[in-house]
Amino acid sequence: MKATGRLLNILISPAVILLLSSCLRNDYELSDPAMAGTWTLYTTADGLPSNQVSDIETDSQGNLWVSFPGYGAGKFDNNNWTYFRAASTPLLNDGVNCMAETSDGRIVFGTLDGLSILGTNNVWSSFVDPTDGMDVTVIKVASNGWIWVGTRENGLYLNTGTGFTKNLIAGYANIRSIEEGPGGAIYIGTDNGVVRYYQGNYTFIKKPDGLPDDYIRAVKFDSRERLWIGTEAGKNVVWIDRRGLHQLNLITTSDSVRIRDIHEDRRGHIWFATHRNGVVVYDGVIARPVPEIPFPENKINCIGQDKFGNLWFGLYSKGLLKYTLPIY
């Protein structure tokens, strides 16, 4: 399906214009200068199967993958959309929550009941826990090729190359985010704190250690090797570096930020998707809410970046929003 969308004309203050245009404009970043600085909203009116987006990923070929819970997933090649639905493909079900690309180029779809895997030869396979089922919430492919899968209430599954095995840590069954850190350590965000796995050993980061809340919604390492942790409750986000744990106030009006995703752009600015507070961006000095004008709602599920460096925002119920460079 050919890509369409609605351009949003926005009046922005001079200070914000300066912020928008302050980044270096490399040739590869400004592939279409006429479109720079514009917002484009995609909805069901433009052909999307749903206005709810739960995950955005970019594969090694530069394709953008988007999951639509209850309506499968879509692949965007920068010109056309291809949609994957259970009725027309071997996808296990349309309840796709998340996706990831394996080291050999396969696309793994995490669904409400198991994993569907699309091979580079267009051959499908799947994995479902025959005993407990598996409502998949997150997939992370580590640098060594291991596939880490988090679920809702059924813990962690791991494939080291010989198939998936279940790794249920008592008290840490509800997993929402997985990230790889320096040296191959794996950080797992759960509703009971962060679990760190390294060389067969588990350690834990929890509220008594300085977290605003134990319900972790997002963990993300940035290019400076800082681990960012976003929680469900509390007004602050946390980052951890070699000097210790630090807190950053996101300057919102609500009592709870409710982080949903964390993303680093090409300049090293950190973006936070929140539920009820829109998007906040941290430039290393101050956290600033992104102007509300381009966003049709303040509930943002996820943030992705395409091969050109453009940012994509998956909304809770209002579609998919693209921001074309220059970026904040």
C-alpha atoms as a PDB file:
ATOM      1  CA  MET A   1       0.000   0.000   0.000  1.00  0.00           C
ATOM      2  CA  LYS A   2       1.389   3.398  -1.010  1.00  0.00           C
ATOM      3  CA  ALA A   3       2.243   5.652   1.925  1.00  0.00           C
ATOM      4  CA  THR A   4       0.080   8.700   2.467  1.00  0.00           C
ATOM      5  CA  GLY A   5      -0.418  10.914   5.487  1.00  0.00           C
ATOM      6  CA  ARG A   6      -1.414  14.347   6.664  1.00  0.00           C
ATOM      7  CA  LEU A   7       1.173  17.087   7.065  1.00  0.00           C
ATOM      8  CA  LEU A   8       0.686  19.158  10.179  1.00  0.00           C
ATOM      9  CA  ASN A   9       1.388  22.884   9.811  1.00  0.00           C
ATOM     10  CA  ILE A  10       2.692  24.155  13.137  1.00  0.00           C
ATOM     11  CA  LEU A  11       3.400  27.639  14.490  1.00  0.00           C
ATOM     12  CA  ILE A  12       6.388  27.379  16.807  1.00  0.00           C
ATOM     13  CA  SER A  13       8.042  30.046  18.931  1.00  0.00           C
ATOM     14  CA  PRO A  14      11.481  31.417  17.899  1.00  0.00           C
ATOM     15  CA  ALA A  15      13.107  29.671  20.865  1.00  0.00           C
ATOM     16  CA  VAL A  16      11.724  26.322  19.785  1.00  0.00           C
ATOM     17  CA  ILE A  17      12.743  26.988  16.172  1.00  0.00           C
ATOM     18  CA  LEU A  18      16.309  27.527  17.379  1.00  0.00           C
ATOM     19  CA  LEU A  19      16.135  24.265  19.297  1.00  0.00           C
ATOM     20  CA  LEU A  20      14.740  22.463  16.269  1.00  0.00           C
ATOM     21  CA  SER A  21      17.438  23.722  13.914  1.00  0.00           C
ATOM     22  CA  SER A  22      20.435  23.488  16.204  1.00  0.00           C
ATOM     23  CA  CYS A  23      21.603  20.041  15.078  1.00  0.00           C
ATOM     24  CA  LEU A  24      24.235  19.429  12.418  1.00  0.00           C
ATOM     25  CA  ARG A  25      22.609  18.663   9.091  1.00  0.00           C
ATOM     26  CA  ASN A  26      24.536  15.899   7.360  1.00  0.00           C
ATOM     27  CA  ASP A  27      23.664  15.044   3.759  1.00  0.00           C
ATOM     28  CA  TYR A  28      22.351  11.616   4.720  1.00  0.00           C
ATOM     29  CA  GLU A  29      20.125  13.186   7.354  1.00  0.00           C
ATOM     30  CA  LEU A  30      18.532  15.752   5.049  1.00  0.00           C
ATOM     31  CA  SER A  31      17.704  13.473   2.133  1.00  0.00           C
ATOM     32  CA  ASP A  32      14.586  15.575   1.495  1.00  0.00           C
ATOM     33  CA  PRO A  33      15.325  19.137   2.707  1.00  0.00           C
ATOM     34  CA  ALA A  34      11.909  20.373   1.570  1.00  0.00           C
ATOM     35  CA  MET A  35      10.294  18.126   4.185  1.00  0.00           C
ATOM     36  CA  ALA A  36      12.696  18.946   7.028  1.00  0.00           C
ATOM     37  CA  GLY A  37      11.042  19.899  10.290  1.00  0.00           C
ATOM     38  CA  THR A  38       7.590  18.607   9.363  1.00  0.00           C
ATOM     39  CA  TRP A  39       5.260  16.266  11.205  1.00  0.00           C
ATOM     40  CA  THR A  40       3.191  13.673   9.330  1.00  0.00           C
ATOM     41  CA  LEU A  41       0.344  11.756  10.952  1.00  0.00           C
ATOM     42  CA  TYR A  42      -0.693   8.332   9.626  1.00  0.00           C
ATOM     43  CA  THR A  43      -4.026   6.827  10.698  1.00  0.00           C
ATOM     44  CA  THR A  44      -6.590   4.316   9.503  1.00  0.00           C
ATOM     45  CA  ALA A  45      -7.769   7.038   7.117  1.00  0.00           C
ATOM     46  CA  ASP A  46      -4.409   6.610   5.360  1.00  0.00           C
ATOM     47  CA  GLY A  47      -4.661   2.820   5.268  1.00  0.00           C
ATOM     48  CA  LEU A  48      -3.215   1.734   8.613  1.00  0.00           C
ATOM     49  CA  PRO A  49      -5.032  -1.302  10.051  1.00  0.00           C
ATOM     50  CA  SER A  50      -5.334   0.362  13.477  1.00  0.00           C
ATOM     51  CA  ASN A  51      -4.579   3.634  15.240  1.00  0.00           C
ATOM     52  CA  GLN A  52      -2.925   1.856  18.178  1.00  0.00           C
ATOM     53  CA  VAL A  53       0.822   1.219  17.854  1.00  0.00           C
ATOM     54  CA  SER A  54       2.815  -0.765  20.409  1.00  0.00           C
ATOM     55  CA  ASP A  55       6.309  -1.090  18.894  1.00  0.00           C
ATOM     56  CA  ILE A  56       8.481   0.417  16.140  1.00  0.00           C
ATOM     57  CA  GLU A  57      11.679  -1.261  14.936  1.00  0.00           C
ATOM     58  CA  THR A  58      14.069  -0.809  11.990  1.00  0.00           C
ATOM     59  CA  ASP A  59      15.715  -3.860  10.420  1.00  0.00           C
ATOM     60  CA  SER A  60      19.173  -4.192   8.853  1.00  0.00           C
ATOM     61  CA  GLN A  61      17.705  -3.513   5.387  1.00  0.00           C
ATOM     62  CA  GLY A  62      16.260  -0.184   6.505  1.00  0.00           C
ATOM     63  CA  ASN A  63      12.636  -1.331   6.653  1.00  0.00           C
ATOM     64  CA  LEU A  64      10.453   0.098   9.404  1.00  0.00           C
ATOM     65  CA  TRP A  65       8.356  -2.480  11.281  1.00  0.00           C
ATOM     66  CA  VAL A  66       5.287  -1.415  13.239  1.00  0.00           C
ATOM     67  CA  SER A  67       3.055  -3.561  15.465  1.00  0.00           C
ATOM     68  CA  PHE A  68      -0.679  -2.923  15.733  1.00  0.00           C
ATOM     69  CA  PRO A  69      -2.110  -4.893  18.704  1.00  0.00           C
ATOM     70  CA  GLY A  70      -5.136  -6.827  17.513  1.00  0.00           C
ATOM     71  CA  TYR A  71      -4.355  -6.031  13.878  1.00  0.00           C
ATOM     72  CA  GLY A  72      -1.007  -7.702  13.214  1.00  0.00           C
ATOM     73  CA  ALA A  73       2.051  -5.828  11.990  1.00  0.00           C
ATOM     74  CA  GLY A  74       3.243  -3.743   9.065  1.00  0.00           C
ATOM     75  CA  LYS A  75       6.493  -3.208   7.147  1.00  0.00           C
ATOM     76  CA  PHE A  76       7.259   0.186   5.594  1.00  0.00           C
ATOM     77  CA  ASP A  77      10.046   0.400   2.988  1.00  0.00           C
ATOM     78  CA  ASN A  78       9.870   4.206   2.820  1.00  0.00           C
ATOM     79  CA  ASN A  79       7.421   4.010  -0.077  1.00  0.00           C
ATOM     80  CA  ASN A  80       4.887   1.260   0.545  1.00  0.00           C
ATOM     81  CA  TRP A  81       3.339  -0.635   3.420  1.00  0.00           C
ATOM     82  CA  THR A  82       3.042  -4.428   3.579  1.00  0.00           C
ATOM     83  CA  TYR A  83       0.738  -5.793   6.265  1.00  0.00           C
ATOM     84  CA  PHE A  84       0.921  -9.141   8.049  1.00  0.00           C
ATOM     85  CA  ARG A  85      -2.322 -10.532   9.448  1.00  0.00           C
ATOM     86  CA  ALA A  86      -3.177 -13.956  10.838  1.00  0.00           C
ATOM     87  CA  ALA A  87      -5.878 -14.420   8.203  1.00  0.00           C
ATOM     88  CA  SER A  88      -3.452 -14.065   5.289  1.00  0.00           C
ATOM     89  CA  THR A  89      -0.109 -15.282   6.708  1.00  0.00           C
ATOM     90  CA  PRO A  90       1.079 -17.964   9.179  1.00  0.00           C
ATOM     91  CA  LEU A  91       1.245 -15.297  11.911  1.00  0.00           C
ATOM     92  CA  LEU A  92       0.013 -17.022  15.086  1.00  0.00           C
ATOM     93  CA  ASN A  93      -2.507 -14.289  15.872  1.00  0.00           C
ATOM     94  CA  ASP A  94      -3.096 -10.588  15.279  1.00  0.00           C
ATOM     95  CA  GLY A  95      -2.193  -9.625  18.839  1.00  0.00           C
ATOM     96  CA  VAL A  96       1.341  -8.482  17.982  1.00  0.00           C
ATOM     97  CA  ASN A  97       2.924  -6.582  20.872  1.00  0.00           C
ATOM     98  CA  CYS A  98       6.568  -6.350  19.803  1.00  0.00           C
ATOM     99  CA  MET A  99       9.136  -7.335  17.185  1.00  0.00           C
ATOM    100  CA  ALA A 100      12.882  -7.813  16.735  1.00  0.00           C
ATOM    101  CA  GLU A 101      15.340  -8.850  14.028  1.00  0.00           C
ATOM    102  CA  THR A 102      17.665 -11.782  14.695  1.00  0.00           C
ATOM    103  CA  SER A 103      21.354 -11.789  13.806  1.00  0.00           C
ATOM    104  CA  ASP A 104      20.597 -13.744  10.610  1.00  0.00           C
ATOM    105  CA  GLY A 105      17.857 -11.389   9.418  1.00  0.00           C
ATOM    106  CA  ARG A 106      14.706 -13.159  10.599  1.00  0.00           C
ATOM    107  CA  ILE A 107      11.869 -11.076  12.034  1.00  0.00           C
ATOM    108  CA  VAL A 108      10.414 -12.301  15.331  1.00  0.00           C
ATOM    109  CA  PHE A 109       6.887 -11.215  16.246  1.00  0.00           C
ATOM    110  CA  GLY A 110       5.874 -11.363  19.896  1.00  0.00           C
ATOM    111  CA  THR A 111       2.144 -12.040  20.186  1.00  0.00           C
ATOM    112  CA  LEU A 112      -0.492 -12.629  22.834  1.00  0.00           C
ATOM    113  CA  ASP A 113       0.263 -16.341  22.647  1.00  0.00           C
ATOM    114  CA  GLY A 114       3.749 -17.103  21.443  1.00  0.00           C
ATOM    115  CA  LEU A 115       6.339 -16.176  18.842  1.00  0.00           C
ATOM    116  CA  SER A 116       5.984 -16.091  15.062  1.00  0.00           C
ATOM    117  CA  ILE A 117       9.223 -15.983  13.076  1.00  0.00           C
ATOM    118  CA  LEU A 118       9.489 -14.825   9.456  1.00  0.00           C
ATOM    119  CA  GLY A 119      12.611 -16.140   7.728  1.00  0.00           C
ATOM    120  CA  THR A 120      14.588 -14.356   5.042  1.00  0.00           C
ATOM    121  CA  ASN A 121      13.228 -16.941   2.580  1.00  0.00           C
ATOM    122  CA  ASN A 122       9.646 -16.033   3.601  1.00  0.00           C
ATOM    123  CA  VAL A 123       9.260 -19.338   5.453  1.00  0.00           C
ATOM    124  CA  TRP A 124       7.475 -19.016   8.798  1.00  0.00           C
ATOM    125  CA  SER A 125       8.031 -20.860  12.061  1.00  0.00           C
ATOM    126  CA  SER A 126       6.690 -20.409  15.578  1.00  0.00           C
ATOM    127  CA  PHE A 127       7.207 -21.180  19.236  1.00  0.00           C
ATOM    128  CA  VAL A 128       4.538 -21.437  21.923  1.00  0.00           C
ATOM    129  CA  ASP A 129       4.982 -22.688  25.459  1.00  0.00           C
ATOM    130  CA  PRO A 130       2.687 -25.747  25.398  1.00  0.00           C
ATOM    131  CA  THR A 131       2.083 -25.620  29.137  1.00  0.00           C
ATOM    132  CA  ASP A 132       1.801 -22.000  30.201  1.00  0.00           C
ATOM    133  CA  GLY A 133       1.292 -20.083  26.980  1.00  0.00           C
ATOM    134  CA  MET A 134       3.229 -16.861  26.571  1.00  0.00           C
ATOM    135  CA  ASP A 135       1.874 -13.328  26.258  1.00  0.00           C
ATOM    136  CA  VAL A 136       5.029 -11.756  24.828  1.00  0.00           C
ATOM    137  CA  THR A 137       5.789  -8.168  25.850  1.00  0.00           C
ATOM    138  CA  VAL A 138       9.373  -7.617  24.660  1.00  0.00           C
ATOM    139  CA  ILE A 139      12.049  -9.253  22.497  1.00  0.00           C
ATOM    140  CA  LYS A 140      15.751  -8.420  22.634  1.00  0.00           C
ATOM    141  CA  VAL A 141      18.399  -9.945  20.369  1.00  0.00           C
ATOM    142  CA  ALA A 142      21.767  -9.600  22.087  1.00  0.00           C
ATOM    143  CA  SER A 143      25.080  -8.961  20.341  1.00  0.00           C
ATOM    144  CA  ASN A 144      25.994 -12.644  20.710  1.00  0.00           C
ATOM    145  CA  GLY A 145      22.812 -13.668  18.874  1.00  0.00           C
ATOM    146  CA  TRP A 146      20.918 -14.876  21.934  1.00  0.00           C
ATOM    147  CA  ILE A 147      17.200 -14.103  21.817  1.00  0.00           C
ATOM    148  CA  TRP A 148      15.689 -12.874  25.076  1.00  0.00           C
ATOM    149  CA  VAL A 149      11.893 -12.867  25.353  1.00  0.00           C
ATOM    150  CA  GLY A 150       9.914 -11.267  28.160  1.00  0.00           C
ATOM    151  CA  THR A 151       6.302 -12.151  28.918  1.00  0.00           C
ATOM    152  CA  ARG A 152       3.386 -10.985  30.992  1.00  0.00           C
ATOM    153  CA  GLU A 153       3.264 -13.148  34.148  1.00  0.00           C
ATOM    154  CA  ASN A 154       5.315 -16.053  32.725  1.00  0.00           C
ATOM    155  CA  GLY A 155       8.815 -14.712  33.078  1.00  0.00           C
ATOM    156  CA  LEU A 156      11.695 -14.951  30.661  1.00  0.00           C
ATOM    157  CA  TYR A 157      12.463 -17.218  27.712  1.00  0.00           C
ATOM    158  CA  LEU A 158      15.938 -17.536  26.233  1.00  0.00           C
ATOM    159  CA  ASN A 159      17.234 -19.040  22.993  1.00  0.00           C
ATOM    160  CA  THR A 160      21.016 -19.431  22.937  1.00  0.00           C
ATOM    161  CA  GLY A 161      20.909 -21.178  19.566  1.00  0.00           C
ATOM    162  CA  THR A 162      19.358 -24.510  20.477  1.00  0.00           C
ATOM    163  CA  GLY A 163      15.748 -23.506  21.105  1.00  0.00           C
ATOM    164  CA  PHE A 164      13.784 -21.565  23.686  1.00  0.00           C
ATOM    165  CA  THR A 165      13.914 -22.453  27.365  1.00  0.00           C
ATOM    166  CA  LYS A 166      11.961 -20.864  30.190  1.00  0.00           C
ATOM    167  CA  ASN A 167      13.804 -18.966  32.910  1.00  0.00           C
ATOM    168  CA  LEU A 168      11.347 -17.959  35.610  1.00  0.00           C
ATOM    169  CA  ILE A 169      12.848 -15.994  38.481  1.00  0.00           C
ATOM    170  CA  ALA A 170      10.532 -16.062  41.495  1.00  0.00           C
ATOM    171  CA  GLY A 171       8.969 -12.644  42.018  1.00  0.00           C
ATOM    172  CA  TYR A 172      10.015 -11.342  38.580  1.00  0.00           C
ATOM    173  CA  ALA A 173       7.496 -12.917  36.221  1.00  0.00           C
ATOM    174  CA  ASN A 174       6.084  -9.742  34.645  1.00  0.00           C
ATOM    175  CA  ILE A 175       8.659  -8.341  32.193  1.00  0.00           C
ATOM    176  CA  ARG A 176       8.239  -5.128  30.195  1.00  0.00           C
ATOM    177  CA  SER A 177      11.693  -4.239  28.859  1.00  0.00           C
ATOM    178  CA  ILE A 178      15.053  -5.865  28.098  1.00  0.00           C
ATOM    179  CA  GLU A 179      18.328  -4.131  27.230  1.00  0.00           C
ATOM    180  CA  GLU A 180      21.941  -5.168  26.671  1.00  0.00           C
ATOM    181  CA  GLY A 181      24.689  -3.241  28.401  1.00  0.00           C
ATOM    182  CA  PRO A 182      28.461  -2.986  28.051  1.00  0.00           C
ATOM    183  CA  GLY A 183      30.223  -6.317  28.209  1.00  0.00           C
ATOM    184  CA  GLY A 184      27.074  -8.227  27.337  1.00  0.00           C
ATOM    185  CA  ALA A 185      25.222  -7.780  30.619  1.00  0.00           C
ATOM    186  CA  ILE A 186      21.436  -8.033  30.200  1.00  0.00           C
ATOM    187  CA  TYR A 187      19.095  -5.701  32.083  1.00  0.00           C
ATOM    188  CA  ILE A 188      15.494  -6.834  32.526  1.00  0.00           C
ATOM    189  CA  GLY A 189      12.767  -4.399  33.538  1.00  0.00           C
ATOM    190  CA  THR A 190      10.036  -6.049  35.619  1.00  0.00           C
ATOM    191  CA  ASP A 191       7.193  -4.962  37.887  1.00  0.00           C
ATOM    192  CA  ASN A 192       9.518  -5.669  40.813  1.00  0.00           C
ATOM    193  CA  GLY A 193      12.630  -3.748  39.809  1.00  0.00           C
ATOM    194  CA  VAL A 194      15.501  -4.280  37.375  1.00  0.00           C
ATOM    195  CA  VAL A 195      17.181  -7.667  37.088  1.00  0.00           C
ATOM    196  CA  ARG A 196      20.786  -7.727  35.841  1.00  0.00           C
ATOM    197  CA  TYR A 197      22.071 -10.947  34.297  1.00  0.00           C
ATOM    198  CA  TYR A 198      25.791 -11.362  33.730  1.00  0.00           C
ATOM    199  CA  GLN A 199      27.737 -14.585  33.237  1.00  0.00           C
ATOM    200  CA  GLY A 200      25.079 -16.710  34.892  1.00  0.00           C
ATOM    201  CA  ASN A 201      24.545 -14.473  37.918  1.00  0.00           C
ATOM    202  CA  TYR A 202      21.579 -12.254  38.798  1.00  0.00           C
ATOM    203  CA  THR A 203      21.679  -8.971  40.711  1.00  0.00           C
ATOM    204  CA  PHE A 204      18.827  -6.545  41.360  1.00  0.00           C
ATOM    205  CA  ILE A 205      18.155  -2.785  41.322  1.00  0.00           C
ATOM    206  CA  LYS A 206      15.081  -1.705  43.274  1.00  0.00           C
ATOM    207  CA  LYS A 207      13.388   1.202  45.019  1.00  0.00           C
ATOM    208  CA  PRO A 208      15.648   1.048  48.115  1.00  0.00           C
ATOM    209  CA  ASP A 209      18.574   1.551  45.711  1.00  0.00           C
ATOM    210  CA  GLY A 210      17.102   4.851  44.511  1.00  0.00           C
ATOM    211  CA  LEU A 211      14.496   3.959  41.887  1.00  0.00           C
ATOM    212  CA  PRO A 212      11.306   6.085  41.978  1.00  0.00           C
ATOM    213  CA  ASP A 213       9.224   2.914  41.672  1.00  0.00           C
ATOM    214  CA  ASP A 214       9.756  -0.822  41.272  1.00  0.00           C
ATOM    215  CA  TYR A 215       7.413  -1.111  38.274  1.00  0.00           C
ATOM    216  CA  ILE A 216       9.861  -0.714  35.393  1.00  0.00           C
ATOM    217  CA  ARG A 217       8.455   0.124  31.964  1.00  0.00           C
ATOM    218  CA  ALA A 218      11.634   0.937  29.992  1.00  0.00           C
ATOM    219  CA  VAL A 219      15.392   0.363  30.229  1.00  0.00           C
ATOM    220  CA  LYS A 220      17.783   1.870  27.690  1.00  0.00           C
ATOM    221  CA  PHE A 221      21.554   2.268  27.377  1.00  0.00           C
ATOM    222  CA  ASP A 222      22.680   5.400  25.564  1.00  0.00           C
ATOM    223  CA  SER A 223      25.885   6.055  23.605  1.00  0.00           C
ATOM    224  CA  ARG A 224      27.592   7.283  26.790  1.00  0.00           C
ATOM    225  CA  GLU A 225      26.921   3.942  28.484  1.00  0.00           C
ATOM    226  CA  ARG A 226      24.342   5.415  30.835  1.00  0.00           C
ATOM    227  CA  LEU A 227      21.501   3.085  31.770  1.00  0.00           C
ATOM    228  CA  TRP A 228      18.193   4.970  31.702  1.00  0.00           C
ATOM    229  CA  ILE A 229      15.317   3.508  33.699  1.00  0.00           C
ATOM    230  CA  GLY A 230      11.713   4.605  33.245  1.00  0.00           C
ATOM    231  CA  THR A 231       9.109   3.641  35.821  1.00  0.00           C
ATOM    232  CA  GLU A 232       5.334   3.641  36.140  1.00  0.00           C
ATOM    233  CA  ALA A 233       5.176   5.887  39.204  1.00  0.00           C
ATOM    234  CA  GLY A 234       7.214   8.898  40.285  1.00  0.00           C
ATOM    235  CA  LYS A 235       8.054  12.201  38.550  1.00  0.00           C
ATOM    236  CA  ASN A 236      11.693  11.335  37.851  1.00  0.00           C
ATOM    237  CA  VAL A 237      13.578   9.054  35.533  1.00  0.00           C
ATOM    238  CA  VAL A 238      16.838   7.499  36.625  1.00  0.00           C
ATOM    239  CA  TRP A 239      20.146   6.964  34.931  1.00  0.00           C
ATOM    240  CA  ILE A 240      23.068   4.921  36.215  1.00  0.00           C
ATOM    241  CA  ASP A 241      26.682   5.461  35.218  1.00  0.00           C
ATOM    242  CA  ARG A 242      30.080   4.667  36.719  1.00  0.00           C
ATOM    243  CA  ARG A 243      29.554   7.374  39.349  1.00  0.00           C
ATOM    244  CA  GLY A 244      26.290   5.948  40.608  1.00  0.00           C
ATOM    245  CA  LEU A 245      22.551   6.529  40.330  1.00  0.00           C
ATOM    246  CA  HIS A 246      21.121   9.910  39.296  1.00  0.00           C
ATOM    247  CA  GLN A 247      17.568  11.242  39.015  1.00  0.00           C
ATOM    248  CA  LEU A 248      16.178  13.602  36.375  1.00  0.00           C
ATOM    249  CA  ASN A 249      12.930  15.496  36.886  1.00  0.00           C
ATOM    250  CA  LEU A 250      10.900  15.609  33.677  1.00  0.00           C
ATOM    251  CA  ILE A 251       9.025  18.773  34.711  1.00  0.00           C
ATOM    252  CA  THR A 252       5.497  17.505  34.185  1.00  0.00           C
ATOM    253  CA  THR A 253       2.309  18.633  35.876  1.00  0.00           C
ATOM    254  CA  SER A 254       1.137  15.184  36.961  1.00  0.00           C
ATOM    255  CA  ASP A 255       2.213  13.208  40.005  1.00  0.00           C
ATOM    256  CA  SER A 256       3.396  10.257  37.928  1.00  0.00           C
ATOM    257  CA  VAL A 257       5.332  10.411  34.655  1.00  0.00           C
ATOM    258  CA  ARG A 258       4.405   6.853  33.545  1.00  0.00           C
ATOM    259  CA  ILE A 259       7.256   6.232  31.106  1.00  0.00           C
ATOM    260  CA  ARG A 260       6.492   3.933  28.182  1.00  0.00           C
ATOM    261  CA  ASP A 261       9.676   4.113  26.081  1.00  0.00           C
ATOM    262  CA  ILE A 262      13.126   5.729  26.001  1.00  0.00           C
ATOM    263  CA  HIS A 263      15.018   6.558  22.808  1.00  0.00           C
ATOM    264  CA  GLU A 264      18.326   8.265  21.969  1.00  0.00           C
ATOM    265  CA  ASP A 265      18.488  10.284  18.750  1.00  0.00           C
ATOM    266  CA  ARG A 266      21.563  10.781  16.580  1.00  0.00           C
ATOM    267  CA  ARG A 267      22.695  13.830  18.536  1.00  0.00           C
ATOM    268  CA  GLY A 268      22.575  12.002  21.834  1.00  0.00           C
ATOM    269  CA  HIS A 269      19.374  13.639  23.063  1.00  0.00           C
ATOM    270  CA  ILE A 270      17.153  11.345  25.103  1.00  0.00           C
ATOM    271  CA  TRP A 271      13.434  11.142  24.318  1.00  0.00           C
ATOM    272  CA  PHE A 272      10.848   9.853  26.770  1.00  0.00           C
ATOM    273  CA  ALA A 273       7.436   8.576  25.685  1.00  0.00           C
ATOM    274  CA  THR A 274       4.919   8.896  28.492  1.00  0.00           C
ATOM    275  CA  HIS A 275       1.341   7.905  29.174  1.00  0.00           C
ATOM    276  CA  ARG A 276      -0.574  11.194  29.775  1.00  0.00           C
ATOM    277  CA  ASN A 277       2.374  13.610  29.518  1.00  0.00           C
ATOM    278  CA  GLY A 278       3.242  13.306  25.839  1.00  0.00           C
ATOM    279  CA  VAL A 279       6.919  13.353  24.866  1.00  0.00           C
ATOM    280  CA  VAL A 280       9.776  14.894  26.839  1.00  0.00           C
ATOM    281  CA  VAL A 281      13.287  15.384  25.395  1.00  0.00           C
ATOM    282  CA  TYR A 282      16.489  15.812  27.409  1.00  0.00           C
ATOM    283  CA  ASP A 283      19.374  17.577  25.648  1.00  0.00           C
ATOM    284  CA  GLY A 284      21.908  16.956  28.394  1.00  0.00           C
ATOM    285  CA  VAL A 285      21.072  20.208  30.187  1.00  0.00           C
ATOM    286  CA  ILE A 286      17.325  20.350  30.722  1.00  0.00           C
ATOM    287  CA  ALA A 287      14.296  18.166  30.070  1.00  0.00           C
ATOM    288  CA  ARG A 288      11.729  19.917  27.866  1.00  0.00           C
ATOM    289  CA  PRO A 289       8.217  18.779  26.958  1.00  0.00           C
ATOM    290  CA  VAL A 290       7.807  18.608  23.188  1.00  0.00           C
ATOM    291  CA  PRO A 291       5.137  21.136  22.060  1.00  0.00           C
ATOM    292  CA  GLU A 292       1.703  19.520  22.199  1.00  0.00           C
ATOM    293  CA  ILE A 293       0.556  20.905  18.841  1.00  0.00           C
ATOM    294  CA  PRO A 294       1.751  18.040  16.599  1.00  0.00           C
ATOM    295  CA  PHE A 295       0.461  15.301  18.912  1.00  0.00           C
ATOM    296  CA  PRO A 296      -3.234  14.396  18.664  1.00  0.00           C
ATOM    297  CA  GLU A 297      -3.036  12.855  22.151  1.00  0.00           C
ATOM    298  CA  ASN A 298      -0.676  12.797  25.129  1.00  0.00           C
ATOM    299  CA  LYS A 299      -0.461   9.011  25.441  1.00  0.00           C
ATOM    300  CA  ILE A 300       2.620   7.786  23.571  1.00  0.00           C
ATOM    301  CA  ASN A 301       3.423   4.071  23.505  1.00  0.00           C
ATOM    302  CA  CYS A 302       6.770   3.940  21.725  1.00  0.00           C
ATOM    303  CA  ILE A 303       9.462   5.772  19.769  1.00  0.00           C
ATOM    304  CA  GLY A 304      11.409   4.500  16.765  1.00  0.00           C
ATOM    305  CA  GLN A 305      13.902   5.850  14.263  1.00  0.00           C
ATOM    306  CA  ASP A 306      14.132   5.064  10.544  1.00  0.00           C
ATOM    307  CA  LYS A 307      17.253   4.707   8.402  1.00  0.00           C
ATOM    308  CA  PHE A 308      17.227   8.444   7.655  1.00  0.00           C
ATOM    309  CA  GLY A 309      17.201   9.395  11.334  1.00  0.00           C
ATOM    310  CA  ASN A 310      13.571  10.528  11.312  1.00  0.00           C
ATOM    311  CA  LEU A 311      11.671   9.852  14.528  1.00  0.00           C
ATOM    312  CA  TRP A 312       8.412   7.888  14.623  1.00  0.00           C
ATOM    313  CA  PHE A 313       6.001   7.950  17.551  1.00  0.00           C
ATOM    314  CA  GLY A 314       3.499   5.156  18.156  1.00  0.00           C
ATOM    315  CA  LEU A 315       0.373   6.554  19.748  1.00  0.00           C
ATOM    316  CA  TYR A 316      -2.039   4.916  22.162  1.00  0.00           C
ATOM    317  CA  SER A 317      -5.140   5.398  20.003  1.00  0.00           C
ATOM    318  CA  LYS A 318      -4.494   8.125  17.406  1.00  0.00           C
ATOM    319  CA  GLY A 319      -2.089   6.599  14.893  1.00  0.00           C
ATOM    320  CA  LEU A 320       1.562   6.875  13.907  1.00  0.00           C
ATOM    321  CA  LEU A 321       3.387  10.217  13.900  1.00  0.00           C
ATOM    322  CA  LYS A 322       6.580  10.882  11.918  1.00  0.00           C
ATOM    323  CA  TYR A 323       8.933  13.776  12.588  1.00  0.00           C
ATOM    324  CA  THR A 324      11.242  14.562   9.669  1.00  0.00           C
ATOM    325  CA  LEU A 325      14.660  16.029  10.412  1.00  0.00           C
ATOM    326  CA  PRO A 326      16.012  18.382  11.641  1.00  0.00           C
ATOM    327  CA  ILE A 327      15.395  16.899  15.040  1.00  0.00           C
ATOM    328  CA  TYR A 328      15.479  18.460  18.503  1.00  0.00           C
END
